[in-house]
Amino acid sequence: MTLKQATERAKTALAAEDLEELARALKARRKALGSGEPPTQEIFDAGERLLKGLLALEQRAAFDSARVGQVGRYIENLKTRD
């Protein structure tokens, strides 16, 4: 798989929030980079956008996790009122 193909695959997986496919695509991207294929400016920029997208996904996941914790504590609080 070329670096461009792996990058496109990673972009698609990130957009779909398909973490398993994203992991496979990022491994393929790393392998392509390790093979000596030089990244173009376009590929470099796409990698930067992927990083920003991953950070945004991480923030959303942390927020969602905190929110689920709040709901769980609220439910537990309701149970102890009875």
Protein backbone atom coordinates (compact mmCIF):
# COMPACT_ATOMS: atom_id res chain seq x y z
CA MET A 1 0.00 0.00 0.00
CA THR A 2 1.34 3.42 -0.88
CA LEU A 3 1.63 6.26 1.58
CA LYS A 4 -1.14 8.12 -0.23
CA GLN A 5 -3.46 5.08 -0.09
CA ALA A 6 -2.77 4.52 3.60
CA THR A 7 -3.36 8.19 4.35
CA GLU A 8 -6.69 8.17 2.49
CA ARG A 9 -7.68 4.99 4.33
CA ALA A 10 -6.84 6.64 7.66
CA LYS A 11 -8.83 9.78 6.77
CA THR A 12 -11.87 7.68 5.88
CA ALA A 13 -11.61 5.60 9.06
CA LEU A 14 -11.23 8.69 11.23
CA ALA A 15 -14.26 10.34 9.63
CA ALA A 16 -16.28 7.17 10.34
CA GLU A 17 -14.75 6.92 13.84
CA ASP A 18 -13.87 3.32 13.00
CA LEU A 19 -11.07 2.85 15.49
CA GLU A 20 -10.09 -0.65 14.37
CA GLU A 21 -9.77 0.39 10.74
CA LEU A 22 -7.99 3.57 11.81
CA ALA A 23 -5.40 1.52 13.70
CA ARG A 24 -4.83 -0.68 10.64
CA ALA A 25 -4.56 2.36 8.36
CA LEU A 26 -2.10 4.11 10.65
CA LYS A 27 0.04 0.96 10.78
CA ALA A 28 -0.01 0.82 6.99
CA ARG A 29 0.94 4.50 6.87
CA ARG A 30 3.84 3.93 9.26
CA LYS A 31 4.99 0.96 7.16
CA ALA A 32 4.87 3.05 3.99
CA LEU A 33 6.87 5.80 5.68
CA GLY A 34 9.37 3.21 6.93
CA SER A 35 9.82 1.82 3.43
CA GLY A 36 11.56 5.02 2.44
CA GLU A 37 8.71 6.45 0.39
CA PRO A 38 9.19 10.22 0.76
CA PRO A 39 6.09 12.11 1.86
CA THR A 40 4.90 14.91 -0.36
CA GLN A 41 3.75 18.18 1.15
CA GLU A 42 0.17 17.04 0.52
CA ILE A 43 0.77 13.81 2.47
CA PHE A 44 2.54 15.70 5.26
CA ASP A 45 -0.38 18.15 5.53
CA ALA A 46 -2.86 15.26 5.54
CA GLY A 47 -0.90 13.70 8.40
CA GLU A 48 -1.17 16.96 10.35
CA ARG A 49 -4.94 16.99 9.76
CA LEU A 50 -5.14 13.36 10.91
CA LEU A 51 -3.34 14.30 14.11
CA LYS A 52 -5.76 17.16 14.76
CA GLY A 53 -8.68 14.85 14.06
CA LEU A 54 -7.31 12.23 16.46
CA LEU A 55 -6.93 14.85 19.19
CA ALA A 56 -10.51 16.02 18.63
CA LEU A 57 -11.73 12.41 18.80
CA GLU A 58 -9.82 11.93 22.04
CA GLN A 59 -11.44 15.04 23.52
CA ARG A 60 -14.92 13.90 22.51
CA ALA A 61 -14.29 10.46 23.99
CA ALA A 62 -13.12 12.00 27.27
CA PHE A 63 -16.18 14.24 27.40
CA ASP A 64 -18.51 11.34 26.62
CA SER A 65 -16.84 9.20 29.28
CA ALA A 66 -17.21 11.94 31.88
CA ARG A 67 -20.85 12.41 30.93
CA VAL A 68 -21.55 8.67 31.27
CA GLY A 69 -19.92 8.81 34.71
CA GLN A 70 -22.21 11.67 35.71
CA VAL A 71 -25.27 9.76 34.57
CA GLY A 72 -24.11 6.67 36.47
CA ARG A 73 -23.61 8.68 39.65
CA TYR A 74 -27.03 10.26 39.23
CA ILE A 75 -28.65 6.84 38.86
CA GLU A 76 -26.82 5.53 41.93
CA ASN A 77 -27.99 8.60 43.86
CA LEU A 78 -31.58 7.91 42.84
CA LYS A 79 -31.29 4.30 44.03
CA THR A 80 -30.12 5.35 47.47
CA ARG A 81 -33.09 7.69 47.93
CA ASP A 82 -35.58 4.83 48.10
